[in-house]
PDB file of N, CA and C in Angstrom:
ATOM      1  N   MET A   1      -0.752 -12.503  -7.649  1.00  0.00           N
ATOM      2  CA  MET A   1      -0.295 -12.128  -6.328  1.00  0.00           C
ATOM      3  C   MET A   1      -0.941 -13.069  -5.325  1.00  0.00           C
ATOM      4  N   GLU A   2      -0.196 -13.435  -4.341  1.00  0.00           N
ATOM      5  CA  GLU A   2      -0.661 -14.366  -3.324  1.00  0.00           C
ATOM      6  C   GLU A   2      -1.824 -13.782  -2.541  1.00  0.00           C
ATOM      7  N   GLY A   3      -2.749 -14.634  -2.111  1.00  0.00           N
ATOM      8  CA  GLY A   3      -3.921 -14.184  -1.373  1.00  0.00           C
ATOM      9  C   GLY A   3      -3.585 -13.500  -0.056  1.00  0.00           C
ATOM     10  N   ILE A   4      -2.560 -13.990   0.629  1.00  0.00           N
ATOM     11  CA  ILE A   4      -2.200 -13.409   1.926  1.00  0.00           C
ATOM     12  C   ILE A   4      -1.658 -11.987   1.752  1.00  0.00           C
ATOM     13  N   LEU A   5      -0.931 -11.746   0.673  1.00  0.00           N
ATOM     14  CA  LEU A   5      -0.405 -10.396   0.451  1.00  0.00           C
ATOM     15  C   LEU A   5      -1.518  -9.410   0.132  1.00  0.00           C
ATOM     16  N   ILE A   6      -2.527  -9.874  -0.599  1.00  0.00           N
ATOM     17  CA  ILE A   6      -3.644  -8.988  -0.910  1.00  0.00           C
ATOM     18  C   ILE A   6      -4.360  -8.579   0.373  1.00  0.00           C
ATOM     19  N   THR A   7      -4.353  -9.449   1.368  1.00  0.00           N
ATOM     20  CA  THR A   7      -4.958  -9.133   2.653  1.00  0.00           C
ATOM     21  C   THR A   7      -4.052  -8.233   3.487  1.00  0.00           C
ATOM     22  N   LEU A   8      -2.768  -8.495   3.475  1.00  0.00           N
ATOM     23  CA  LEU A   8      -1.844  -7.766   4.347  1.00  0.00           C
ATOM     24  C   LEU A   8      -1.472  -6.376   3.844  1.00  0.00           C
ATOM     25  N   ILE A   9      -1.430  -6.173   2.537  1.00  0.00           N
ATOM     26  CA  ILE A   9      -0.992  -4.874   2.010  1.00  0.00           C
ATOM     27  C   ILE A   9      -1.905  -3.739   2.455  1.00  0.00           C
ATOM     28  N   PRO A  10      -3.251  -3.837   2.284  1.00  0.00           N
ATOM     29  CA  PRO A  10      -4.065  -2.681   2.695  1.00  0.00           C
ATOM     30  C   PRO A  10      -4.110  -2.474   4.196  1.00  0.00           C
ATOM     31  N   LEU A  11      -3.746  -3.488   4.969  1.00  0.00           N
ATOM     32  CA  LEU A  11      -3.704  -3.328   6.423  1.00  0.00           C
ATOM     33  C   LEU A  11      -2.331  -2.888   6.901  1.00  0.00           C
ATOM     34  N   GLY A  12      -1.295  -3.502   6.368  1.00  0.00           N
ATOM     35  CA  GLY A  12       0.047  -3.254   6.858  1.00  0.00           C
ATOM     36  C   GLY A  12       0.700  -1.989   6.354  1.00  0.00           C
ATOM     37  N   VAL A  13       0.553  -1.708   5.075  1.00  0.00           N
ATOM     38  CA  VAL A  13       1.223  -0.531   4.504  1.00  0.00           C
ATOM     39  C   VAL A  13       0.734   0.769   5.144  1.00  0.00           C
ATOM     40  N   PRO A  14      -0.593   0.990   5.291  1.00  0.00           N
ATOM     41  CA  PRO A  14      -1.005   2.233   5.965  1.00  0.00           C
ATOM     42  C   PRO A  14      -0.503   2.332   7.405  1.00  0.00           C
ATOM     43  N   LEU A  15      -0.380   1.203   8.090  1.00  0.00           N
ATOM     44  CA  LEU A  15       0.157   1.236   9.456  1.00  0.00           C
ATOM     45  C   LEU A  15       1.633   1.656   9.455  1.00  0.00           C
ATOM     46  N   VAL A  16       2.383   1.148   8.511  1.00  0.00           N
ATOM     47  CA  VAL A  16       3.795   1.528   8.409  1.00  0.00           C
ATOM     48  C   VAL A  16       3.927   3.008   8.063  1.00  0.00           C
ATOM     49  N   VAL A  17       3.100   3.483   7.138  1.00  0.00           N
ATOM     50  CA  VAL A  17       3.145   4.901   6.760  1.00  0.00           C
ATOM     51  C   VAL A  17       2.737   5.778   7.943  1.00  0.00           C
ATOM     52  N   ALA A  18       1.731   5.348   8.707  1.00  0.00           N
ATOM     53  CA  ALA A  18       1.321   6.109   9.897  1.00  0.00           C
ATOM     54  C   ALA A  18       2.450   6.162  10.921  1.00  0.00           C
ATOM     55  N   ALA A  19       3.172   5.060  11.071  1.00  0.00           N
ATOM     56  CA  ALA A  19       4.307   5.046  11.997  1.00  0.00           C
ATOM     57  C   ALA A  19       5.409   5.995  11.519  1.00  0.00           C
ATOM     58  N   ILE A  20       5.649   6.007  10.215  1.00  0.00           N
ATOM     59  CA  ILE A  20       6.647   6.928   9.661  1.00  0.00           C
ATOM     60  C   ILE A  20       6.212   8.370   9.904  1.00  0.00           C
ATOM     61  N   LYS A  21       4.923   8.645   9.711  1.00  0.00           N
ATOM     62  CA  LYS A  21       4.420  10.005   9.916  1.00  0.00           C
ATOM     63  C   LYS A  21       4.568  10.435  11.373  1.00  0.00           C
ATOM     64  N   ARG A  22       4.350   9.518  12.297  1.00  0.00           N
ATOM     65  CA  ARG A  22       4.524   9.852  13.721  1.00  0.00           C
ATOM     66  C   ARG A  22       5.986  10.113  14.067  1.00  0.00           C
ATOM     67  N   LEU A  23       6.879   9.327  13.470  1.00  0.00           N
ATOM     68  CA  LEU A  23       8.307   9.495  13.756  1.00  0.00           C
ATOM     69  C   LEU A  23       8.879  10.724  13.052  1.00  0.00           C
ATOM     70  N   LEU A  24       8.429  10.971  11.847  1.00  0.00           N
ATOM     71  CA  LEU A  24       8.904  12.118  11.076  1.00  0.00           C
ATOM     72  C   LEU A  24       7.751  13.094  10.920  1.00  0.00           C
ATOM     73  N   THR A  25       7.569  13.950  11.891  1.00  0.00           N
ATOM     74  CA  THR A  25       6.402  14.831  11.919  1.00  0.00           C
ATOM     75  C   THR A  25       6.396  15.861  10.794  1.00  0.00           C
ATOM     76  N   GLN A  26       7.517  16.057  10.119  1.00  0.00           N
ATOM     77  CA  GLN A  26       7.555  17.042   9.045  1.00  0.00           C
ATOM     78  C   GLN A  26       7.007  16.501   7.723  1.00  0.00           C
ATOM     79  N   VAL A  27       6.600  15.222   7.680  1.00  0.00           N
ATOM     80  CA  VAL A  27       6.015  14.661   6.453  1.00  0.00           C
ATOM     81  C   VAL A  27       4.600  15.217   6.296  1.00  0.00           C
ATOM     82  N   PRO A  28       4.322  15.959   5.217  1.00  0.00           N
ATOM     83  CA  PRO A  28       2.977  16.512   5.013  1.00  0.00           C
ATOM     84  C   PRO A  28       1.962  15.404   4.725  1.00  0.00           C
ATOM     85  N   SER A  29       0.734  15.633   5.130  1.00  0.00           N
ATOM     86  CA  SER A  29      -0.317  14.637   4.937  1.00  0.00           C
ATOM     87  C   SER A  29      -0.587  14.334   3.472  1.00  0.00           C
ATOM     88  N   LYS A  30      -0.316  15.273   2.590  1.00  0.00           N
ATOM     89  CA  LYS A  30      -0.579  15.032   1.173  1.00  0.00           C
ATOM     90  C   LYS A  30       0.328  13.949   0.595  1.00  0.00           C
ATOM     91  N   TRP A  31       1.427  13.623   1.267  1.00  0.00           N
ATOM     92  CA  TRP A  31       2.344  12.595   0.794  1.00  0.00           C
ATOM     93  C   TRP A  31       1.951  11.196   1.239  1.00  0.00           C
ATOM     94  N   ILE A  32       1.009  11.078   2.163  1.00  0.00           N
ATOM     95  CA  ILE A  32       0.628   9.774   2.701  1.00  0.00           C
ATOM     96  C   ILE A  32       0.126   8.826   1.608  1.00  0.00           C
ATOM     97  N   PRO A  33      -0.811   9.226   0.738  1.00  0.00           N
ATOM     98  CA  PRO A  33      -1.242   8.292  -0.309  1.00  0.00           C
ATOM     99  C   PRO A  33      -0.109   7.881  -1.256  1.00  0.00           C
ATOM    100  N   ILE A  34       0.798   8.801  -1.537  1.00  0.00           N
ATOM    101  CA  ILE A  34       1.916   8.479  -2.419  1.00  0.00           C
ATOM    102  C   ILE A  34       2.845   7.468  -1.755  1.00  0.00           C
ATOM    103  N   LEU A  35       3.159   7.687  -0.483  1.00  0.00           N
ATOM    104  CA  LEU A  35       4.005   6.742   0.246  1.00  0.00           C
ATOM    105  C   LEU A  35       3.339   5.378   0.358  1.00  0.00           C
ATOM    106  N   THR A  36       2.031   5.368   0.559  1.00  0.00           N
ATOM    107  CA  THR A  36       1.305   4.112   0.669  1.00  0.00           C
ATOM    108  C   THR A  36       1.340   3.354  -0.658  1.00  0.00           C
ATOM    109  N   GLY A  37       1.090   4.059  -1.749  1.00  0.00           N
ATOM    110  CA  GLY A  37       1.153   3.421  -3.066  1.00  0.00           C
ATOM    111  C   GLY A  37       2.534   2.867  -3.376  1.00  0.00           C
ATOM    112  N   LEU A  38       3.565   3.635  -3.050  1.00  0.00           N
ATOM    113  CA  LEU A  38       4.932   3.165  -3.272  1.00  0.00           C
ATOM    114  C   LEU A  38       5.258   1.956  -2.399  1.00  0.00           C
ATOM    115  N   GLY A  39       4.791   1.985  -1.155  1.00  0.00           N
ATOM    116  CA  GLY A  39       5.015   0.842  -0.261  1.00  0.00           C
ATOM    117  C   GLY A  39       4.365  -0.428  -0.789  1.00  0.00           C
ATOM    118  N   GLY A  40       3.139  -0.298  -1.272  1.00  0.00           N
ATOM    119  CA  GLY A  40       2.462  -1.450  -1.856  1.00  0.00           C
ATOM    120  C   GLY A  40       3.165  -1.956  -3.099  1.00  0.00           C
ATOM    121  N   ALA A  41       3.651  -1.018  -3.923  1.00  0.00           N
ATOM    122  CA  ALA A  41       4.378  -1.411  -5.131  1.00  0.00           C
ATOM    123  C   ALA A  41       5.665  -2.157  -4.784  1.00  0.00           C
ATOM    124  N   VAL A  42       6.360  -1.705  -3.749  1.00  0.00           N
ATOM    125  CA  VAL A  42       7.592  -2.377  -3.319  1.00  0.00           C
ATOM    126  C   VAL A  42       7.289  -3.786  -2.823  1.00  0.00           C
ATOM    127  N   ILE A  43       6.222  -3.936  -2.047  1.00  0.00           N
ATOM    128  CA  ILE A  43       5.854  -5.267  -1.561  1.00  0.00           C
ATOM    129  C   ILE A  43       5.437  -6.168  -2.724  1.00  0.00           C
ATOM    130  N   GLY A  44       4.677  -5.609  -3.664  1.00  0.00           N
ATOM    131  CA  GLY A  44       4.298  -6.389  -4.839  1.00  0.00           C
ATOM    132  C   GLY A  44       5.508  -6.816  -5.657  1.00  0.00           C
ATOM    133  N   LEU A  45       6.474  -5.918  -5.818  1.00  0.00           N
ATOM    134  CA  LEU A  45       7.694  -6.245  -6.553  1.00  0.00           C
ATOM    135  C   LEU A  45       8.499  -7.307  -5.813  1.00  0.00           C
ATOM    136  N   ALA A  46       8.582  -7.190  -4.501  1.00  0.00           N
ATOM    137  CA  ALA A  46       9.284  -8.200  -3.704  1.00  0.00           C
ATOM    138  C   ALA A  46       8.608  -9.561  -3.851  1.00  0.00           C
ATOM    139  N   ASN A  47       7.279  -9.566  -3.915  1.00  0.00           N
ATOM    140  CA  ASN A  47       6.562 -10.810  -4.127  1.00  0.00           C
ATOM    141  C   ASN A  47       6.894 -11.401  -5.490  1.00  0.00           C
ATOM    142  N   ALA A  48       6.996 -10.559  -6.520  1.00  0.00           N
ATOM    143  CA  ALA A  48       7.329 -11.034  -7.862  1.00  0.00           C
ATOM    144  C   ALA A  48       8.742 -11.612  -7.907  1.00  0.00           C
ATOM    145  N   VAL A  49       9.668 -10.964  -7.218  1.00  0.00           N
ATOM    146  CA  VAL A  49      11.041 -11.446  -7.198  1.00  0.00           C
ATOM    147  C   VAL A  49      11.133 -12.767  -6.438  1.00  0.00           C
ATOM    148  N   ALA A  50      10.384 -12.887  -5.354  1.00  0.00           N
ATOM    149  CA  ALA A  50      10.432 -14.098  -4.541  1.00  0.00           C
ATOM    150  C   ALA A  50       9.726 -15.280  -5.201  1.00  0.00           C
ATOM    151  N   SER A  51       8.785 -14.995  -6.080  1.00  0.00           N
ATOM    152  CA  SER A  51       8.066 -16.086  -6.736  1.00  0.00           C
ATOM    153  C   SER A  51       8.879 -16.622  -7.899  1.00  0.00           C
ATOM    154  N   THR A  52       8.366 -17.647  -8.502  1.00  0.00           N
ATOM    155  CA  THR A  52       9.072 -18.251  -9.632  1.00  0.00           C
ATOM    156  C   THR A  52       8.693 -17.591 -10.957  1.00  0.00           C
ATOM    157  N   ASN A  53       7.905 -16.523 -10.899  1.00  0.00           N
ATOM    158  CA  ASN A  53       7.455 -15.836 -12.097  1.00  0.00           C
ATOM    159  C   ASN A  53       8.509 -14.794 -12.494  1.00  0.00           C
ATOM    160  N   PHE A  54       9.358 -15.136 -13.450  1.00  0.00           N
ATOM    161  CA  PHE A  54      10.458 -14.253 -13.818  1.00  0.00           C
ATOM    162  C   PHE A  54      10.169 -13.399 -15.049  1.00  0.00           C
ATOM    163  N   SER A  55       8.933 -13.374 -15.500  1.00  0.00           N
ATOM    164  CA  SER A  55       8.620 -12.592 -16.698  1.00  0.00           C
ATOM    165  C   SER A  55       8.389 -11.125 -16.328  1.00  0.00           C
ATOM    166  N   LEU A  56       8.649 -10.243 -17.270  1.00  0.00           N
ATOM    167  CA  LEU A  56       8.417  -8.811 -17.062  1.00  0.00           C
ATOM    168  C   LEU A  56       6.937  -8.552 -16.820  1.00  0.00           C
ATOM    169  N   GLU A  57       6.085  -9.297 -17.521  1.00  0.00           N
ATOM    170  CA  GLU A  57       4.638  -9.136 -17.335  1.00  0.00           C
ATOM    171  C   GLU A  57       4.224  -9.485 -15.905  1.00  0.00           C
ATOM    172  N   GLY A  58       4.778 -10.539 -15.352  1.00  0.00           N
ATOM    173  CA  GLY A  58       4.466 -10.933 -13.973  1.00  0.00           C
ATOM    174  C   GLY A  58       4.945  -9.900 -12.971  1.00  0.00           C
ATOM    175  N   TRP A  59       6.131  -9.366 -13.186  1.00  0.00           N
ATOM    176  CA  TRP A  59       6.667  -8.341 -12.285  1.00  0.00           C
ATOM    177  C   TRP A  59       5.822  -7.087 -12.337  1.00  0.00           C
ATOM    178  N   THR A  60       5.444  -6.685 -13.558  1.00  0.00           N
ATOM    179  CA  THR A  60       4.620  -5.486 -13.718  1.00  0.00           C
ATOM    180  C   THR A  60       3.261  -5.672 -13.055  1.00  0.00           C
ATOM    181  N   GLN A  61       2.663  -6.823 -13.282  1.00  0.00           N
ATOM    182  CA  GLN A  61       1.347  -7.092 -12.711  1.00  0.00           C
ATOM    183  C   GLN A  61       1.398  -7.103 -11.185  1.00  0.00           C
ATOM    184  N   ASP A  62       2.390  -7.754 -10.604  1.00  0.00           N
ATOM    185  CA  ASP A  62       2.493  -7.796  -9.141  1.00  0.00           C
ATOM    186  C   ASP A  62       2.777  -6.416  -8.557  1.00  0.00           C
ATOM    187  N   THR A  63       3.620  -5.635  -9.214  1.00  0.00           N
ATOM    188  CA  THR A  63       3.935  -4.293  -8.723  1.00  0.00           C
ATOM    189  C   THR A  63       2.707  -3.392  -8.757  1.00  0.00           C
ATOM    190  N   LEU A  64       1.988  -3.406  -9.873  1.00  0.00           N
ATOM    191  CA  LEU A  64       0.780  -2.584  -9.978  1.00  0.00           C
ATOM    192  C   LEU A  64      -0.313  -3.067  -9.035  1.00  0.00           C
ATOM    193  N   SER A  65      -0.447  -4.378  -8.885  1.00  0.00           N
ATOM    194  CA  SER A  65      -1.447  -4.918  -7.956  1.00  0.00           C
ATOM    195  C   SER A  65      -1.156  -4.477  -6.531  1.00  0.00           C
ATOM    196  N   GLY A  66       0.101  -4.507  -6.139  1.00  0.00           N
ATOM    197  CA  GLY A  66       0.476  -4.061  -4.801  1.00  0.00           C
ATOM    198  C   GLY A  66       0.143  -2.599  -4.575  1.00  0.00           C
ATOM    199  N   ALA A  67       0.444  -1.765  -5.565  1.00  0.00           N
ATOM    200  CA  ALA A  67       0.152  -0.334  -5.435  1.00  0.00           C
ATOM    201  C   ALA A  67      -1.352  -0.083  -5.366  1.00  0.00           C
ATOM    202  N   ILE A  68      -2.119  -0.755  -6.208  1.00  0.00           N
ATOM    203  CA  ILE A  68      -3.576  -0.556  -6.224  1.00  0.00           C
ATOM    204  C   ILE A  68      -4.213  -1.021  -4.930  1.00  0.00           C
ATOM    205  N   VAL A  69      -3.782  -2.170  -4.433  1.00  0.00           N
ATOM    206  CA  VAL A  69      -4.359  -2.676  -3.183  1.00  0.00           C
ATOM    207  C   VAL A  69      -3.997  -1.760  -2.013  1.00  0.00           C
ATOM    208  N   ALA A  70      -2.769  -1.237  -1.991  1.00  0.00           N
ATOM    209  CA  ALA A  70      -2.375  -0.318  -0.924  1.00  0.00           C
ATOM    210  C   ALA A  70      -3.189   0.971  -0.986  1.00  0.00           C
ATOM    211  N   LEU A  71      -3.406   1.491  -2.178  1.00  0.00           N
ATOM    212  CA  LEU A  71      -4.213   2.702  -2.320  1.00  0.00           C
ATOM    213  C   LEU A  71      -5.675   2.441  -1.959  1.00  0.00           C
ATOM    214  N   ALA A  72      -6.139   1.215  -2.159  1.00  0.00           N
ATOM    215  CA  ALA A  72      -7.494   0.861  -1.722  1.00  0.00           C
ATOM    216  C   ALA A  72      -7.594   0.956  -0.202  1.00  0.00           C
ATOM    217  N   GLY A  73      -6.516   0.599   0.484  1.00  0.00           N
ATOM    218  CA  GLY A  73      -6.491   0.744   1.943  1.00  0.00           C
ATOM    219  C   GLY A  73      -6.627   2.197   2.370  1.00  0.00           C
ATOM    220  N   VAL A  74      -6.000   3.103   1.628  1.00  0.00           N
ATOM    221  CA  VAL A  74      -6.129   4.537   1.908  1.00  0.00           C
ATOM    222  C   VAL A  74      -7.569   4.977   1.674  1.00  0.00           C
ATOM    223  N   GLY A  75      -8.167   4.501   0.595  1.00  0.00           N
ATOM    224  CA  GLY A  75      -9.557   4.847   0.302  1.00  0.00           C
ATOM    225  C   GLY A  75     -10.519   4.371   1.374  1.00  0.00           C
ATOM    226  N   ILE A  76     -10.312   3.156   1.860  1.00  0.00           N
ATOM    227  CA  ILE A  76     -11.157   2.627   2.938  1.00  0.00           C
ATOM    228  C   ILE A  76     -11.002   3.470   4.190  1.00  0.00           C
ATOM    229  N   HIS A  77      -9.780   3.868   4.498  1.00  0.00           N
ATOM    230  CA  HIS A  77      -9.541   4.721   5.671  1.00  0.00           C
ATOM    231  C   HIS A  77     -10.270   6.049   5.531  1.00  0.00           C
ATOM    232  N   GLN A  78     -10.234   6.633   4.348  1.00  0.00           N
ATOM    233  CA  GLN A  78     -10.898   7.925   4.134  1.00  0.00           C
ATOM    234  C   GLN A  78     -12.419   7.807   4.236  1.00  0.00           C
ATOM    235  N   ILE A  79     -12.965   6.715   3.720  1.00  0.00           N
ATOM    236  CA  ILE A  79     -14.412   6.494   3.862  1.00  0.00           C
ATOM    237  C   ILE A  79     -14.781   6.405   5.334  1.00  0.00           C
ATOM    238  N   TYR A  80     -14.015   5.632   6.089  1.00  0.00           N
ATOM    239  CA  TYR A  80     -14.262   5.493   7.532  1.00  0.00           C
ATOM    240  C   TYR A  80     -14.137   6.848   8.226  1.00  0.00           C
ATOM    241  N   LYS A  81     -13.077   7.556   7.919  1.00  0.00           N
ATOM    242  CA  LYS A  81     -12.813   8.846   8.565  1.00  0.00           C
ATOM    243  C   LYS A  81     -13.945   9.844   8.293  1.00  0.00           C
ATOM    244  N   GLN A  82     -14.420   9.884   7.058  1.00  0.00           N
ATOM    245  CA  GLN A  82     -15.468  10.839   6.705  1.00  0.00           C
ATOM    246  C   GLN A  82     -16.810  10.433   7.272  1.00  0.00           C
ATOM    247  N   ARG A  83     -17.085   9.144   7.368  1.00  0.00           N
ATOM    248  CA  ARG A  83     -18.367   8.677   7.905  1.00  0.00           C
ATOM    249  C   ARG A  83     -18.435   8.829   9.415  1.00  0.00           C
ATOM    250  N   VAL A  84     -17.403   8.383  10.100  1.00  0.00           N
ATOM    251  CA  VAL A  84     -17.416   8.374  11.563  1.00  0.00           C
ATOM    252  C   VAL A  84     -17.183   9.768  12.132  1.00  0.00           C
ATOM    253  N   LYS A  85     -16.216  10.461  11.613  1.00  0.00           N
ATOM    254  CA  LYS A  85     -15.863  11.767  12.166  1.00  0.00           C
ATOM    255  C   LYS A  85     -16.659  12.900  11.547  1.00  0.00           C
ATOM    256  N   GLY A  86     -17.425  12.612  10.510  1.00  0.00           N
ATOM    257  CA  GLY A  86     -18.292  13.613   9.915  1.00  0.00           C
ATOM    258  C   GLY A  86     -17.564  14.729   9.200  1.00  0.00           C
ATOM    259  N   GLU A  87     -16.427  14.430   8.611  1.00  0.00           N
ATOM    260  CA  GLU A  87     -15.670  15.463   7.887  1.00  0.00           C
ATOM    261  C   GLU A  87     -16.228  15.669   6.506  1.00  0.00           C
TER     262      GLU A  87
END
């Protein structure tokens, strides 16, 4: 996976999910990590399709990497939230 995507996924995907949550207030908070993981997986898959790596192994690796990096962004947010806000 490209270095720039590894940087952008944990920053961008949670922002997009937060925007979706603000627009669609009926989305329960328990779905946020799932939506974030799926968003990262979609970006990782798009990266695999756009690259010259046409193997199933490359697609799988990029998709899983995207999901893991996006979920890491959720984890970082939770650490910050619990430390700063004292939850």
